[in-house]
């Protein structure tokens, strides 16, 4: 079976509730990942690139990885998950 790397971009609205003297301090806190979000709302996920590969590439150090490599089982018509920690 062929292997593909599909890259997407998600748009998620996050809402933060902060009590602080000036809004700029809260902005800095968000930038520095010091504030926890109050809520989030998913808007969209768009495919930006699809590349056929011979082998799956290793993850970048900056990526958060859950290891899922999905395989479509034509007999059952369902997706199966193959966790690939060797690519981390």
Protein backbone atom coordinates (compact mmCIF):
# COMPACT_ATOMS: atom_id res chain seq x y z
CA UNK A 1 0.00 0.00 0.00
CA UNK A 2 1.17 3.58 -0.65
CA UNK A 3 2.18 5.90 2.20
CA UNK A 4 1.22 9.58 2.41
CA UNK A 5 2.06 12.43 4.76
CA UNK A 6 -0.90 14.83 4.90
CA UNK A 7 -0.36 18.20 6.55
CA UNK A 8 -3.23 20.32 7.83
CA UNK A 9 -3.80 23.61 9.63
CA UNK A 10 -6.50 23.97 12.29
CA UNK A 11 -8.19 27.17 13.37
CA UNK A 12 -9.26 27.11 17.01
CA UNK A 13 -10.61 30.07 18.95
CA UNK A 14 -9.37 30.07 22.55
CA UNK A 15 -10.83 32.27 25.27
CA UNK A 16 -8.83 33.34 28.33
CA UNK A 17 -10.29 34.95 31.46
CA UNK A 18 -7.75 37.10 33.29
CA UNK A 19 -7.87 39.61 36.14
CA UNK A 20 -4.89 41.94 35.79
CA UNK A 21 -4.08 45.66 35.92
CA UNK A 22 -3.28 45.94 32.18
CA UNK A 23 -4.31 43.70 29.26
CA UNK A 24 -0.72 43.63 27.97
CA UNK A 25 0.32 41.59 31.00
CA UNK A 26 -2.29 38.97 30.13
CA UNK A 27 -1.11 39.03 26.50
CA UNK A 28 2.43 38.34 27.70
CA UNK A 29 1.13 35.55 29.95
CA UNK A 30 -0.56 33.88 26.97
CA UNK A 31 2.55 34.25 24.82
CA UNK A 32 4.68 32.73 27.59
CA UNK A 33 2.13 29.88 28.02
CA UNK A 34 1.53 30.89 31.66
CA UNK A 35 -2.27 31.26 31.40
CA UNK A 36 -4.72 28.37 31.15
CA UNK A 37 -7.50 28.81 28.64
CA UNK A 38 -11.10 29.14 29.82
CA UNK A 39 -12.60 27.56 26.70
CA UNK A 40 -11.94 26.73 23.07
CA UNK A 41 -14.03 26.39 19.93
CA UNK A 42 -12.95 24.47 16.84
CA UNK A 43 -13.56 26.25 13.52
CA UNK A 44 -11.92 24.30 10.69
CA UNK A 45 -9.14 21.97 9.58
CA UNK A 46 -7.75 22.56 6.10
CA UNK A 47 -5.45 20.26 4.13
CA UNK A 48 -2.42 22.26 2.98
CA UNK A 49 -0.11 19.56 1.61
CA UNK A 50 -0.08 15.87 0.65
CA UNK A 51 3.17 14.05 -0.09
CA UNK A 52 3.62 10.42 -1.13
CA UNK A 53 6.61 8.90 0.70
CA UNK A 54 8.49 5.60 0.59
CA UNK A 55 8.87 5.64 4.40
CA UNK A 56 7.34 7.89 7.05
CA UNK A 57 9.80 10.56 8.24
CA UNK A 58 10.84 10.98 11.86
CA UNK A 59 9.04 13.70 13.83
CA UNK A 60 10.73 17.05 14.46
CA UNK A 61 11.81 17.77 18.03
CA UNK A 62 9.37 20.69 18.18
CA UNK A 63 6.34 18.52 17.34
CA UNK A 64 3.89 17.08 19.86
CA UNK A 65 3.49 13.44 18.85
CA UNK A 66 0.82 10.85 19.63
CA UNK A 67 2.39 8.24 17.34
CA UNK A 68 -0.71 7.38 15.28
CA UNK A 69 -0.07 6.02 11.78
CA UNK A 70 -3.41 5.08 10.22
CA UNK A 71 -3.90 2.13 7.86
CA UNK A 72 -7.08 1.58 5.84
CA UNK A 73 -8.26 -2.04 5.99
CA UNK A 74 -10.00 -2.64 2.67
CA UNK A 75 -11.55 -5.92 3.88
CA UNK A 76 -13.40 -4.30 6.79
CA UNK A 77 -13.67 -0.81 5.25
CA UNK A 78 -12.31 0.68 8.48
CA UNK A 79 -9.25 2.64 9.56
CA UNK A 80 -6.85 0.85 11.91
CA UNK A 81 -4.31 2.62 14.11
CA UNK A 82 -0.68 1.52 14.12
CA UNK A 83 1.22 3.43 16.81
CA UNK A 84 4.73 4.29 15.59
CA UNK A 85 6.90 5.44 18.52
CA UNK A 86 9.99 4.49 16.49
CA UNK A 87 9.43 7.65 14.42
CA UNK A 88 9.80 9.97 17.41
